[in-house]
Amino acid sequence: MIQCTTLPCMKDDQITLRLPADLARLLRTRAKAFGAPASQLVREALQAYLAEQSDSAGTAWDRVAPMVGSVTLDRTAIKRDPIAAQIRAHNWRK
């Protein structure tokens, strides 16, 4: 449950949104199963989504680090594969 942690507690903002009928029905079903208001489930889901998005943003290095590495290019690969040839031409030290 989201609670105000700052003092004094600021007034909540209210928004209106439209949901497809299937999603609204699923929300009501889950809210009933949890015994909580649908608005609480929406707040918690939105908070979790936004927290995940801000965590995954990271620095530029964090985003490209999994793609950094080296490629072994033998002569036959360079002759066979135009992309391998392009990589070699671009990155080869002279």
PDB file of N, CA and C in Angstrom:
ATOM      1  N   MET A   1       0.833  -1.173   0.000  1.00  0.00           N
ATOM      2  CA  MET A   1       0.000   0.000   0.000  1.00  0.00           C
ATOM      3  C   MET A   1       0.879   1.237   0.000  1.00  0.00           C
ATOM      4  N   ILE A   2       0.543   2.230  -0.794  1.00  0.00           N
ATOM      5  CA  ILE A   2       1.303   3.462  -0.880  1.00  0.00           C
ATOM      6  C   ILE A   2       0.876   4.372   0.259  1.00  0.00           C
ATOM      7  N   GLN A   3       1.856   4.855   0.991  1.00  0.00           N
ATOM      8  CA  GLN A   3       1.557   5.769   2.078  1.00  0.00           C
ATOM      9  C   GLN A   3       2.416   7.000   1.931  1.00  0.00           C
ATOM     10  N   CYS A   4       1.917   8.105   2.411  1.00  0.00           N
ATOM     11  CA  CYS A   4       2.663   9.347   2.362  1.00  0.00           C
ATOM     12  C   CYS A   4       3.765   9.293   3.407  1.00  0.00           C
ATOM     13  N   THR A   5       4.996   9.550   2.991  1.00  0.00           N
ATOM     14  CA  THR A   5       6.121   9.470   3.925  1.00  0.00           C
ATOM     15  C   THR A   5       6.675  10.841   4.269  1.00  0.00           C
ATOM     16  N   THR A   6       6.156  11.881   3.622  1.00  0.00           N
ATOM     17  CA  THR A   6       6.645  13.223   3.913  1.00  0.00           C
ATOM     18  C   THR A   6       5.673  13.923   4.844  1.00  0.00           C
ATOM     19  N   LEU A   7       6.185  14.822   5.630  1.00  0.00           N
ATOM     20  CA  LEU A   7       5.339  15.619   6.512  1.00  0.00           C
ATOM     21  C   LEU A   7       5.412  17.060   6.076  1.00  0.00           C
ATOM     22  N   PRO A   8       4.379  17.801   5.956  1.00  0.00           N
ATOM     23  CA  PRO A   8       3.000  17.328   6.007  1.00  0.00           C
ATOM     24  C   PRO A   8       2.636  16.593   4.719  1.00  0.00           C
ATOM     25  N   CYS A   9       1.679  15.727   4.804  1.00  0.00           N
ATOM     26  CA  CYS A   9       1.276  14.900   3.674  1.00  0.00           C
ATOM     27  C   CYS A   9       0.574  15.771   2.628  1.00  0.00           C
ATOM     28  N   MET A  10       1.017  15.669   1.369  1.00  0.00           N
ATOM     29  CA  MET A  10       0.412  16.466   0.305  1.00  0.00           C
ATOM     30  C   MET A  10      -0.885  15.814  -0.149  1.00  0.00           C
ATOM     31  N   LYS A  11      -1.777  16.659  -0.648  1.00  0.00           N
ATOM     32  CA  LYS A  11      -3.053  16.166  -1.142  1.00  0.00           C
ATOM     33  C   LYS A  11      -2.821  15.321  -2.395  1.00  0.00           C
ATOM     34  N   ASP A  12      -3.556  14.232  -2.514  1.00  0.00           N
ATOM     35  CA  ASP A  12      -3.433  13.346  -3.670  1.00  0.00           C
ATOM     36  C   ASP A  12      -3.990  14.021  -4.917  1.00  0.00           C
ATOM     37  N   ASP A  13      -3.372  13.738  -6.056  1.00  0.00           N
ATOM     38  CA  ASP A  13      -3.908  14.164  -7.347  1.00  0.00           C
ATOM     39  C   ASP A  13      -4.891  13.111  -7.819  1.00  0.00           C
ATOM     40  N   GLN A  14      -5.842  13.532  -8.601  1.00  0.00           N
ATOM     41  CA  GLN A  14      -6.812  12.596  -9.152  1.00  0.00           C
ATOM     42  C   GLN A  14      -6.711  12.650 -10.658  1.00  0.00           C
ATOM     43  N   ILE A  15      -6.706  11.467 -11.291  1.00  0.00           N
ATOM     44  CA  ILE A  15      -6.714  11.398 -12.747  1.00  0.00           C
ATOM     45  C   ILE A  15      -7.857  10.498 -13.179  1.00  0.00           C
ATOM     46  N   THR A  16      -8.255  10.673 -14.408  1.00  0.00           N
ATOM     47  CA  THR A  16      -9.285   9.820 -15.001  1.00  0.00           C
ATOM     48  C   THR A  16      -8.667   9.137 -16.201  1.00  0.00           C
ATOM     49  N   LEU A  17      -8.909   7.850 -16.332  1.00  0.00           N
ATOM     50  CA  LEU A  17      -8.386   7.138 -17.494  1.00  0.00           C
ATOM     51  C   LEU A  17      -9.422   6.156 -17.996  1.00  0.00           C
ATOM     52  N   ARG A  18      -9.284   5.811 -19.252  1.00  0.00           N
ATOM     53  CA  ARG A  18     -10.189   4.843 -19.869  1.00  0.00           C
ATOM     54  C   ARG A  18      -9.448   3.526 -20.042  1.00  0.00           C
ATOM     55  N   LEU A  19     -10.141   2.454 -19.736  1.00  0.00           N
ATOM     56  CA  LEU A  19      -9.580   1.111 -19.884  1.00  0.00           C
ATOM     57  C   LEU A  19     -10.440   0.306 -20.833  1.00  0.00           C
ATOM     58  N   PRO A  20      -9.840  -0.558 -21.620  1.00  0.00           N
ATOM     59  CA  PRO A  20     -10.644  -1.488 -22.417  1.00  0.00           C
ATOM     60  C   PRO A  20     -11.491  -2.349 -21.473  1.00  0.00           C
ATOM     61  N   ALA A  21     -12.651  -2.762 -21.927  1.00  0.00           N
ATOM     62  CA  ALA A  21     -13.591  -3.513 -21.093  1.00  0.00           C
ATOM     63  C   ALA A  21     -12.952  -4.750 -20.471  1.00  0.00           C
ATOM     64  N   ASP A  22     -12.154  -5.486 -21.245  1.00  0.00           N
ATOM     65  CA  ASP A  22     -11.510  -6.703 -20.721  1.00  0.00           C
ATOM     66  C   ASP A  22     -10.559  -6.374 -19.569  1.00  0.00           C
ATOM     67  N   LEU A  23      -9.786  -5.296 -19.722  1.00  0.00           N
ATOM     68  CA  LEU A  23      -8.839  -4.907 -18.682  1.00  0.00           C
ATOM     69  C   LEU A  23      -9.574  -4.421 -17.430  1.00  0.00           C
ATOM     70  N   ALA A  24     -10.638  -3.666 -17.616  1.00  0.00           N
ATOM     71  CA  ALA A  24     -11.423  -3.195 -16.483  1.00  0.00           C
ATOM     72  C   ALA A  24     -12.048  -4.368 -15.727  1.00  0.00           C
ATOM     73  N   ARG A  25     -12.535  -5.355 -16.457  1.00  0.00           N
ATOM     74  CA  ARG A  25     -13.138  -6.537 -15.835  1.00  0.00           C
ATOM     75  C   ARG A  25     -12.080  -7.309 -15.042  1.00  0.00           C
ATOM     76  N   LEU A  26     -10.893  -7.471 -15.612  1.00  0.00           N
ATOM     77  CA  LEU A  26      -9.807  -8.155 -14.918  1.00  0.00           C
ATOM     78  C   LEU A  26      -9.397  -7.382 -13.662  1.00  0.00           C
ATOM     79  N   LEU A  27      -9.336  -6.063 -13.759  1.00  0.00           N
ATOM     80  CA  LEU A  27      -8.987  -5.230 -12.600  1.00  0.00           C
ATOM     81  C   LEU A  27     -10.012  -5.412 -11.483  1.00  0.00           C
ATOM     82  N   ARG A  28     -11.279  -5.368 -11.821  1.00  0.00           N
ATOM     83  CA  ARG A  28     -12.321  -5.548 -10.796  1.00  0.00           C
ATOM     84  C   ARG A  28     -12.243  -6.936 -10.156  1.00  0.00           C
ATOM     85  N   THR A  29     -11.981  -7.946 -10.985  1.00  0.00           N
ATOM     86  CA  THR A  29     -11.875  -9.318 -10.470  1.00  0.00           C
ATOM     87  C   THR A  29     -10.709  -9.439  -9.497  1.00  0.00           C
ATOM     88  N   ARG A  30      -9.540  -8.890  -9.865  1.00  0.00           N
ATOM     89  CA  ARG A  30      -8.369  -8.956  -8.991  1.00  0.00           C
ATOM     90  C   ARG A  30      -8.584  -8.155  -7.720  1.00  0.00           C
ATOM     91  N   ALA A  31      -9.194  -6.986  -7.841  1.00  0.00           N
ATOM     92  CA  ALA A  31      -9.453  -6.152  -6.666  1.00  0.00           C
ATOM     93  C   ALA A  31     -10.357  -6.893  -5.690  1.00  0.00           C
ATOM     94  N   LYS A  32     -11.374  -7.543  -6.215  1.00  0.00           N
ATOM     95  CA  LYS A  32     -12.288  -8.300  -5.360  1.00  0.00           C
ATOM     96  C   LYS A  32     -11.552  -9.456  -4.691  1.00  0.00           C
ATOM     97  N   ALA A  33     -10.697 -10.145  -5.446  1.00  0.00           N
ATOM     98  CA  ALA A  33      -9.946 -11.279  -4.896  1.00  0.00           C
ATOM     99  C   ALA A  33      -8.994 -10.837  -3.786  1.00  0.00           C
ATOM    100  N   PHE A  34      -8.385  -9.664  -3.941  1.00  0.00           N
ATOM    101  CA  PHE A  34      -7.466  -9.149  -2.921  1.00  0.00           C
ATOM    102  C   PHE A  34      -8.190  -8.421  -1.794  1.00  0.00           C
ATOM    103  N   GLY A  35      -9.468  -8.141  -2.005  1.00  0.00           N
ATOM    104  CA  GLY A  35     -10.217  -7.395  -0.997  1.00  0.00           C
ATOM    105  C   GLY A  35      -9.740  -5.956  -0.879  1.00  0.00           C
ATOM    106  N   ALA A  36      -9.345  -5.382  -1.999  1.00  0.00           N
ATOM    107  CA  ALA A  36      -8.820  -4.016  -2.018  1.00  0.00           C
ATOM    108  C   ALA A  36      -9.534  -3.228  -3.111  1.00  0.00           C
ATOM    109  N   PRO A  37      -9.556  -1.909  -2.972  1.00  0.00           N
ATOM    110  CA  PRO A  37     -10.155  -1.093  -4.034  1.00  0.00           C
ATOM    111  C   PRO A  37      -9.334  -1.192  -5.326  1.00  0.00           C
ATOM    112  N   ALA A  38     -10.010  -1.102  -6.456  1.00  0.00           N
ATOM    113  CA  ALA A  38      -9.320  -1.146  -7.744  1.00  0.00           C
ATOM    114  C   ALA A  38      -8.299  -0.020  -7.846  1.00  0.00           C
ATOM    115  N   SER A  39      -8.608   1.138  -7.295  1.00  0.00           N
ATOM    116  CA  SER A  39      -7.676   2.271  -7.367  1.00  0.00           C
ATOM    117  C   SER A  39      -6.360   1.954  -6.662  1.00  0.00           C
ATOM    118  N   GLN A  40      -6.412   1.194  -5.582  1.00  0.00           N
ATOM    119  CA  GLN A  40      -5.188   0.815  -4.869  1.00  0.00           C
ATOM    120  C   GLN A  40      -4.326  -0.094  -5.746  1.00  0.00           C
ATOM    121  N   LEU A  41      -4.956  -1.055  -6.430  1.00  0.00           N
ATOM    122  CA  LEU A  41      -4.201  -1.936  -7.323  1.00  0.00           C
ATOM    123  C   LEU A  41      -3.560  -1.151  -8.453  1.00  0.00           C
ATOM    124  N   VAL A  42      -4.286  -0.174  -8.999  1.00  0.00           N
ATOM    125  CA  VAL A  42      -3.739   0.650 -10.072  1.00  0.00           C
ATOM    126  C   VAL A  42      -2.557   1.463  -9.559  1.00  0.00           C
ATOM    127  N   ARG A  43      -2.676   2.064  -8.379  1.00  0.00           N
ATOM    128  CA  ARG A  43      -1.567   2.848  -7.803  1.00  0.00           C
ATOM    129  C   ARG A  43      -0.341   1.977  -7.592  1.00  0.00           C
ATOM    130  N   GLU A  44      -0.523   0.790  -7.025  1.00  0.00           N
ATOM    131  CA  GLU A  44       0.612  -0.093  -6.757  1.00  0.00           C
ATOM    132  C   GLU A  44       1.255  -0.591  -8.055  1.00  0.00           C
ATOM    133  N   ALA A  45       0.432  -0.916  -9.039  1.00  0.00           N
ATOM    134  CA  ALA A  45       0.970  -1.380 -10.316  1.00  0.00           C
ATOM    135  C   ALA A  45       1.741  -0.262 -11.017  1.00  0.00           C
ATOM    136  N   LEU A  46       1.209   0.949 -10.975  1.00  0.00           N
ATOM    137  CA  LEU A  46       1.873   2.083 -11.600  1.00  0.00           C
ATOM    138  C   LEU A  46       3.180   2.413 -10.888  1.00  0.00           C
ATOM    139  N   GLN A  47       3.158   2.362  -9.576  1.00  0.00           N
ATOM    140  CA  GLN A  47       4.376   2.620  -8.811  1.00  0.00           C
ATOM    141  C   GLN A  47       5.451   1.579  -9.134  1.00  0.00           C
ATOM    142  N   ALA A  48       5.073   0.310  -9.197  1.00  0.00           N
ATOM    143  CA  ALA A  48       6.033  -0.750  -9.514  1.00  0.00           C
ATOM    144  C   ALA A  48       6.574  -0.583 -10.933  1.00  0.00           C
ATOM    145  N   TYR A  49       5.715  -0.247 -11.875  1.00  0.00           N
ATOM    146  CA  TYR A  49       6.133  -0.050 -13.263  1.00  0.00           C
ATOM    147  C   TYR A  49       7.111   1.109 -13.377  1.00  0.00           C
ATOM    148  N   LEU A  50       6.787   2.225 -12.755  1.00  0.00           N
ATOM    149  CA  LEU A  50       7.660   3.398 -12.843  1.00  0.00           C
ATOM    150  C   LEU A  50       8.988   3.165 -12.133  1.00  0.00           C
ATOM    151  N   ALA A  51       8.981   2.431 -11.031  1.00  0.00           N
ATOM    152  CA  ALA A  51      10.228   2.113 -10.337  1.00  0.00           C
ATOM    153  C   ALA A  51      11.099   1.222 -11.214  1.00  0.00           C
ATOM    154  N   GLU A  52      10.488   0.258 -11.882  1.00  0.00           N
ATOM    155  CA  GLU A  52      11.232  -0.643 -12.768  1.00  0.00           C
ATOM    156  C   GLU A  52      11.825   0.129 -13.938  1.00  0.00           C
ATOM    157  N   GLN A  53      11.069   1.064 -14.502  1.00  0.00           N
ATOM    158  CA  GLN A  53      11.550   1.848 -15.636  1.00  0.00           C
ATOM    159  C   GLN A  53      12.724   2.730 -15.241  1.00  0.00           C
ATOM    160  N   SER A  54      12.668   3.339 -14.062  1.00  0.00           N
ATOM    161  CA  SER A  54      13.764   4.213 -13.647  1.00  0.00           C
ATOM    162  C   SER A  54      14.999   3.393 -13.302  1.00  0.00           C
ATOM    163  N   ASP A  55      14.824   2.182 -12.774  1.00  0.00           N
ATOM    164  CA  ASP A  55      15.961   1.319 -12.457  1.00  0.00           C
ATOM    165  C   ASP A  55      16.639   0.826 -13.729  1.00  0.00           C
ATOM    166  N   SER A  56      15.858   0.570 -14.767  1.00  0.00           N
ATOM    167  CA  SER A  56      16.427  -0.005 -15.982  1.00  0.00           C
ATOM    168  C   SER A  56      17.072   1.048 -16.870  1.00  0.00           C
ATOM    169  N   ALA A  57      16.787   2.330 -16.632  1.00  0.00           N
ATOM    170  CA  ALA A  57      17.357   3.370 -17.482  1.00  0.00           C
ATOM    171  C   ALA A  57      18.875   3.391 -17.351  1.00  0.00           C
ATOM    172  N   GLY A  58      19.383   3.537 -16.143  1.00  0.00           N
ATOM    173  CA  GLY A  58      20.820   3.498 -15.902  1.00  0.00           C
ATOM    174  C   GLY A  58      21.595   4.501 -16.736  1.00  0.00           C
ATOM    175  N   THR A  59      22.892   4.348 -16.729  1.00  0.00           N
ATOM    176  CA  THR A  59      23.757   5.212 -17.525  1.00  0.00           C
ATOM    177  C   THR A  59      23.860   4.658 -18.935  1.00  0.00           C
ATOM    178  N   ALA A  60      24.451   5.445 -19.808  1.00  0.00           N
ATOM    179  CA  ALA A  60      24.644   4.976 -21.182  1.00  0.00           C
ATOM    180  C   ALA A  60      25.487   3.703 -21.178  1.00  0.00           C
ATOM    181  N   TRP A  61      26.504   3.663 -20.321  1.00  0.00           N
ATOM    182  CA  TRP A  61      27.358   2.468 -20.255  1.00  0.00           C
ATOM    183  C   TRP A  61      26.550   1.250 -19.820  1.00  0.00           C
ATOM    184  N   ASP A  62      25.662   1.404 -18.832  1.00  0.00           N
ATOM    185  CA  ASP A  62      24.838   0.293 -18.362  1.00  0.00           C
ATOM    186  C   ASP A  62      24.000  -0.293 -19.495  1.00  0.00           C
ATOM    187  N   ARG A  63      23.533   0.564 -20.395  1.00  0.00           N
ATOM    188  CA  ARG A  63      22.683   0.100 -21.485  1.00  0.00           C
ATOM    189  C   ARG A  63      23.462  -0.618 -22.581  1.00  0.00           C
ATOM    190  N   VAL A  64      24.725  -0.211 -22.835  1.00  0.00           N
ATOM    191  CA  VAL A  64      25.476  -0.831 -23.926  1.00  0.00           C
ATOM    192  C   VAL A  64      26.456  -1.898 -23.455  1.00  0.00           C
ATOM    193  N   ALA A  65      26.707  -1.977 -22.158  1.00  0.00           N
ATOM    194  CA  ALA A  65      27.697  -2.924 -21.631  1.00  0.00           C
ATOM    195  C   ALA A  65      27.475  -4.362 -22.106  1.00  0.00           C
ATOM    196  N   PRO A  66      26.229  -4.865 -22.156  1.00  0.00           N
ATOM    197  CA  PRO A  66      26.051  -6.246 -22.616  1.00  0.00           C
ATOM    198  C   PRO A  66      26.458  -6.464 -24.075  1.00  0.00           C
ATOM    199  N   MET A  67      26.556  -5.387 -24.856  1.00  0.00           N
ATOM    200  CA  MET A  67      26.898  -5.523 -26.274  1.00  0.00           C
ATOM    201  C   MET A  67      28.388  -5.330 -26.535  1.00  0.00           C
ATOM    202  N   VAL A  68      29.135  -4.926 -25.526  1.00  0.00           N
ATOM    203  CA  VAL A  68      30.559  -4.668 -25.705  1.00  0.00           C
ATOM    204  C   VAL A  68      31.319  -5.983 -25.624  1.00  0.00           C
ATOM    205  N   GLY A  69      32.259  -6.144 -26.528  1.00  0.00           N
ATOM    206  CA  GLY A  69      33.038  -7.371 -26.511  1.00  0.00           C
ATOM    207  C   GLY A  69      33.945  -7.440 -27.710  1.00  0.00           C
ATOM    208  N   SER A  70      34.364  -8.617 -28.026  1.00  0.00           N
ATOM    209  CA  SER A  70      35.239  -8.794 -29.181  1.00  0.00           C
ATOM    210  C   SER A  70      34.689  -9.895 -30.062  1.00  0.00           C
ATOM    211  N   VAL A  71      35.086  -9.822 -31.308  1.00  0.00           N
ATOM    212  CA  VAL A  71      34.645 -10.801 -32.288  1.00  0.00           C
ATOM    213  C   VAL A  71      35.897 -11.386 -32.936  1.00  0.00           C
ATOM    214  N   THR A  72      35.958 -12.677 -33.035  1.00  0.00           N
ATOM    215  CA  THR A  72      37.069 -13.326 -33.711  1.00  0.00           C
ATOM    216  C   THR A  72      36.715 -13.453 -35.187  1.00  0.00           C
ATOM    217  N   LEU A  73      37.553 -12.882 -36.028  1.00  0.00           N
ATOM    218  CA  LEU A  73      37.303 -12.919 -37.472  1.00  0.00           C
ATOM    219  C   LEU A  73      38.481 -13.587 -38.161  1.00  0.00           C
ATOM    220  N   ASP A  74      38.257 -14.766 -38.682  1.00  0.00           N
ATOM    221  CA  ASP A  74      39.323 -15.400 -39.454  1.00  0.00           C
ATOM    222  C   ASP A  74      39.164 -15.005 -40.923  1.00  0.00           C
ATOM    223  N   ARG A  75      40.153 -15.293 -41.711  1.00  0.00           N
ATOM    224  CA  ARG A  75      40.155 -14.867 -43.119  1.00  0.00           C
ATOM    225  C   ARG A  75      38.969 -15.433 -43.905  1.00  0.00           C
ATOM    226  N   THR A  76      38.576 -16.662 -43.611  1.00  0.00           N
ATOM    227  CA  THR A  76      37.445 -17.245 -44.350  1.00  0.00           C
ATOM    228  C   THR A  76      36.132 -16.562 -43.981  1.00  0.00           C
ATOM    229  N   ALA A  77      35.996 -16.174 -42.713  1.00  0.00           N
ATOM    230  CA  ALA A  77      34.780 -15.470 -42.297  1.00  0.00           C
ATOM    231  C   ALA A  77      34.690 -14.125 -43.001  1.00  0.00           C
ATOM    232  N   ILE A  78      35.819 -13.445 -43.131  1.00  0.00           N
ATOM    233  CA  ILE A  78      35.825 -12.129 -43.772  1.00  0.00           C
ATOM    234  C   ILE A  78      35.465 -12.261 -45.247  1.00  0.00           C
ATOM    235  N   LYS A  79      35.945 -13.303 -45.903  1.00  0.00           N
ATOM    236  CA  LYS A  79      35.627 -13.511 -47.319  1.00  0.00           C
ATOM    237  C   LYS A  79      34.170 -13.924 -47.513  1.00  0.00           C
ATOM    238  N   ARG A  80      33.642 -14.688 -46.571  1.00  0.00           N
ATOM    239  CA  ARG A  80      32.282 -15.229 -46.656  1.00  0.00           C
ATOM    240  C   ARG A  80      31.205 -14.237 -46.269  1.00  0.00           C
ATOM    241  N   ASP A  81      31.496 -13.407 -45.301  1.00  0.00           N
ATOM    242  CA  ASP A  81      30.463 -12.586 -44.670  1.00  0.00           C
ATOM    243  C   ASP A  81      30.764 -11.096 -44.854  1.00  0.00           C
ATOM    244  N   PRO A  82      29.899 -10.372 -45.562  1.00  0.00           N
ATOM    245  CA  PRO A  82      30.159  -8.950 -45.786  1.00  0.00           C
ATOM    246  C   PRO A  82      30.156  -8.128 -44.486  1.00  0.00           C
ATOM    247  N   ILE A  83      29.387  -8.549 -43.514  1.00  0.00           N
ATOM    248  CA  ILE A  83      29.379  -7.823 -42.239  1.00  0.00           C
ATOM    249  C   ILE A  83      30.704  -8.025 -41.521  1.00  0.00           C
ATOM    250  N   ALA A  84      31.241  -9.240 -41.557  1.00  0.00           N
ATOM    251  CA  ALA A  84      32.549  -9.501 -40.959  1.00  0.00           C
ATOM    252  C   ALA A  84      33.613  -8.658 -41.649  1.00  0.00           C
ATOM    253  N   ALA A  85      33.519  -8.544 -42.963  1.00  0.00           N
ATOM    254  CA  ALA A  85      34.480  -7.723 -43.710  1.00  0.00           C
ATOM    255  C   ALA A  85      34.361  -6.254 -43.307  1.00  0.00           C
ATOM    256  N   GLN A  86      33.144  -5.794 -43.119  1.00  0.00           N
ATOM    257  CA  GLN A  86      32.922  -4.405 -42.719  1.00  0.00           C
ATOM    258  C   GLN A  86      33.472  -4.156 -41.313  1.00  0.00           C
ATOM    259  N   ILE A  87      33.245  -5.086 -40.400  1.00  0.00           N
ATOM    260  CA  ILE A  87      33.768  -4.954 -39.039  1.00  0.00           C
ATOM    261  C   ILE A  87      35.293  -4.889 -39.074  1.00  0.00           C
ATOM    262  N   ARG A  88      35.897  -5.769 -39.834  1.00  0.00           N
ATOM    263  CA  ARG A  88      37.360  -5.801 -39.908  1.00  0.00           C
ATOM    264  C   ARG A  88      37.907  -4.511 -40.506  1.00  0.00           C
ATOM    265  N   ALA A  89      37.278  -4.033 -41.569  1.00  0.00           N
ATOM    266  CA  ALA A  89      37.735  -2.803 -42.222  1.00  0.00           C
ATOM    267  C   ALA A  89      37.603  -1.597 -41.282  1.00  0.00           C
ATOM    268  N   HIS A  90      36.559  -1.574 -40.526  1.00  0.00           N
ATOM    269  CA  HIS A  90      36.298  -0.433 -39.641  1.00  0.00           C
ATOM    270  C   HIS A  90      37.189  -0.454 -38.389  1.00  0.00           C
ATOM    271  N   ASN A  91      37.456  -1.603 -37.859  1.00  0.00           N
ATOM    272  CA  ASN A  91      38.120  -1.699 -36.566  1.00  0.00           C
ATOM    273  C   ASN A  91      39.590  -2.109 -36.602  1.00  0.00           C
ATOM    274  N   TRP A  92      40.088  -2.478 -37.777  1.00  0.00           N
ATOM    275  CA  TRP A  92      41.457  -2.985 -37.846  1.00  0.00           C
ATOM    276  C   TRP A  92      42.454  -1.850 -37.641  1.00  0.00           C
ATOM    277  N   ARG A  93      43.414  -2.091 -36.731  1.00  0.00           N
ATOM    278  CA  ARG A  93      44.445  -1.076 -36.477  1.00  0.00           C
ATOM    279  C   ARG A  93      45.498  -1.143 -37.577  1.00  0.00           C
ATOM    280  N   LYS A  94      45.907   0.007 -38.017  1.00  0.00           N
ATOM    281  CA  LYS A  94      46.897   0.072 -39.089  1.00  0.00           C
ATOM    282  C   LYS A  94      48.245   0.414 -38.546  1.00  0.00           C
TER     283      LYS A  94
END
